[in-house]
């Protein structure tokens, strides 16, 4: 956990909050903010089999309300790391 919280060794906890919530619940391991994550394609998502498909996060294709707001293109919500040891794939919510 010391590396997870270390500012000079990844600083994971900056986005994946590791402290209990204000109401003393276990940590969510996400700040629920939108970030330009820059993760590689997840091959387990069927849409990613198409090389012409790009998930632009807040700009689409699953959302259309912010399509014209190009400053939001590529922003995705910070995924939770809760139960990471038991998950088979990350960022696969659109399977």
Protein backbone atom coordinates (compact mmCIF):
# COMPACT_ATOMS: atom_id res chain seq x y z
CA UNK A 1 0.00 0.00 0.00
CA UNK A 2 2.94 2.35 0.53
CA UNK A 3 3.75 2.39 -3.22
CA UNK A 4 0.08 2.89 -4.04
CA UNK A 5 0.01 6.06 -1.92
CA UNK A 6 3.56 7.26 -2.70
CA UNK A 7 3.62 10.53 -4.66
CA UNK A 8 6.87 9.60 -6.40
CA UNK A 9 6.05 5.93 -7.18
CA UNK A 10 2.91 6.11 -9.28
CA UNK A 11 0.64 8.08 -6.99
CA UNK A 12 -2.24 5.69 -7.71
CA UNK A 13 -4.23 7.02 -4.76
CA UNK A 14 -4.50 10.43 -6.45
CA UNK A 15 -7.29 8.97 -8.60
CA UNK A 16 -8.00 5.61 -6.94
CA UNK A 17 -8.78 6.92 -3.46
CA UNK A 18 -7.61 4.47 -0.84
CA UNK A 19 -8.97 6.09 2.30
CA UNK A 20 -12.34 5.24 3.86
CA UNK A 21 -15.21 7.44 2.74
CA UNK A 22 -16.49 10.33 4.85
CA UNK A 23 -19.23 8.08 6.26
CA UNK A 24 -16.56 5.51 7.27
CA UNK A 25 -17.32 3.05 4.47
CA UNK A 26 -14.51 1.09 2.79
CA UNK A 27 -12.65 3.01 0.08
CA UNK A 28 -14.13 3.06 -3.41
CA UNK A 29 -10.70 3.17 -5.11
CA UNK A 30 -11.99 5.78 -7.57
CA UNK A 31 -12.48 9.51 -7.42
CA UNK A 32 -15.40 9.24 -9.89
CA UNK A 33 -13.81 11.98 -12.00
CA UNK A 34 -13.34 11.99 -15.75
CA UNK A 35 -9.77 11.62 -16.99
CA UNK A 36 -7.94 11.03 -20.24
CA UNK A 37 -6.85 7.56 -19.21
CA UNK A 38 -4.93 6.50 -22.30
CA UNK A 39 -5.56 2.80 -21.81
CA UNK A 40 -5.01 0.34 -24.65
CA UNK A 41 -7.92 -1.34 -26.37
CA UNK A 42 -9.56 -4.11 -24.38
CA UNK A 43 -9.83 -7.05 -26.80
CA UNK A 44 -12.66 -8.53 -24.70
CA UNK A 45 -14.97 -5.71 -25.78
CA UNK A 46 -16.59 -6.80 -29.05
CA UNK A 47 -16.66 -3.26 -30.47
CA UNK A 48 -12.87 -3.13 -30.27
CA UNK A 49 -12.62 -5.87 -32.89
CA UNK A 50 -13.42 -3.13 -35.41
CA UNK A 51 -10.21 -1.09 -35.97
CA UNK A 52 -12.34 1.90 -36.99
CA UNK A 53 -14.16 2.00 -33.64
CA UNK A 54 -12.99 4.53 -31.06
CA UNK A 55 -14.57 5.05 -27.68
CA UNK A 56 -14.30 8.80 -27.23
CA UNK A 57 -15.75 8.66 -23.74
CA UNK A 58 -17.90 11.70 -23.10
CA UNK A 59 -17.96 12.56 -26.83
CA UNK A 60 -19.38 9.27 -28.01
CA UNK A 61 -20.33 7.02 -29.57
CA UNK A 62 -22.41 5.99 -26.54
CA UNK A 63 -23.21 9.58 -25.61
CA UNK A 64 -24.35 12.32 -27.94
CA UNK A 65 -25.08 15.19 -25.56
CA UNK A 66 -21.43 16.36 -25.45
CA UNK A 67 -20.39 15.41 -28.98
CA UNK A 68 -19.76 19.04 -29.98
CA UNK A 69 -17.76 19.73 -26.80
CA UNK A 70 -14.43 18.49 -28.15
CA UNK A 71 -12.55 19.39 -24.95
CA UNK A 72 -14.26 16.36 -23.38
CA UNK A 73 -13.32 13.87 -26.10
CA UNK A 74 -11.37 10.92 -24.74
CA UNK A 75 -12.37 11.50 -21.12
CA UNK A 76 -13.53 8.38 -19.30
CA UNK A 77 -14.49 7.93 -15.66
CA UNK A 78 -11.68 6.68 -13.44
CA UNK A 79 -12.38 2.97 -12.99
CA UNK A 80 -12.59 1.55 -9.50
CA UNK A 81 -9.85 -0.83 -8.44
CA UNK A 82 -12.11 -2.37 -5.83
CA UNK A 83 -11.98 -6.19 -6.06
CA UNK A 84 -9.28 -5.92 -8.74
CA UNK A 85 -7.86 -9.31 -7.79
CA UNK A 86 -11.13 -11.02 -8.71
CA UNK A 87 -11.81 -9.22 -12.01
CA UNK A 88 -10.95 -10.77 -15.36
CA UNK A 89 -10.77 -7.53 -17.34
CA UNK A 90 -10.76 -3.81 -16.68
CA UNK A 91 -12.70 -1.21 -18.64
CA UNK A 92 -14.97 -3.85 -20.08
CA UNK A 93 -18.32 -2.40 -19.03
CA UNK A 94 -19.59 -2.47 -22.61
CA UNK A 95 -19.22 -6.19 -23.25
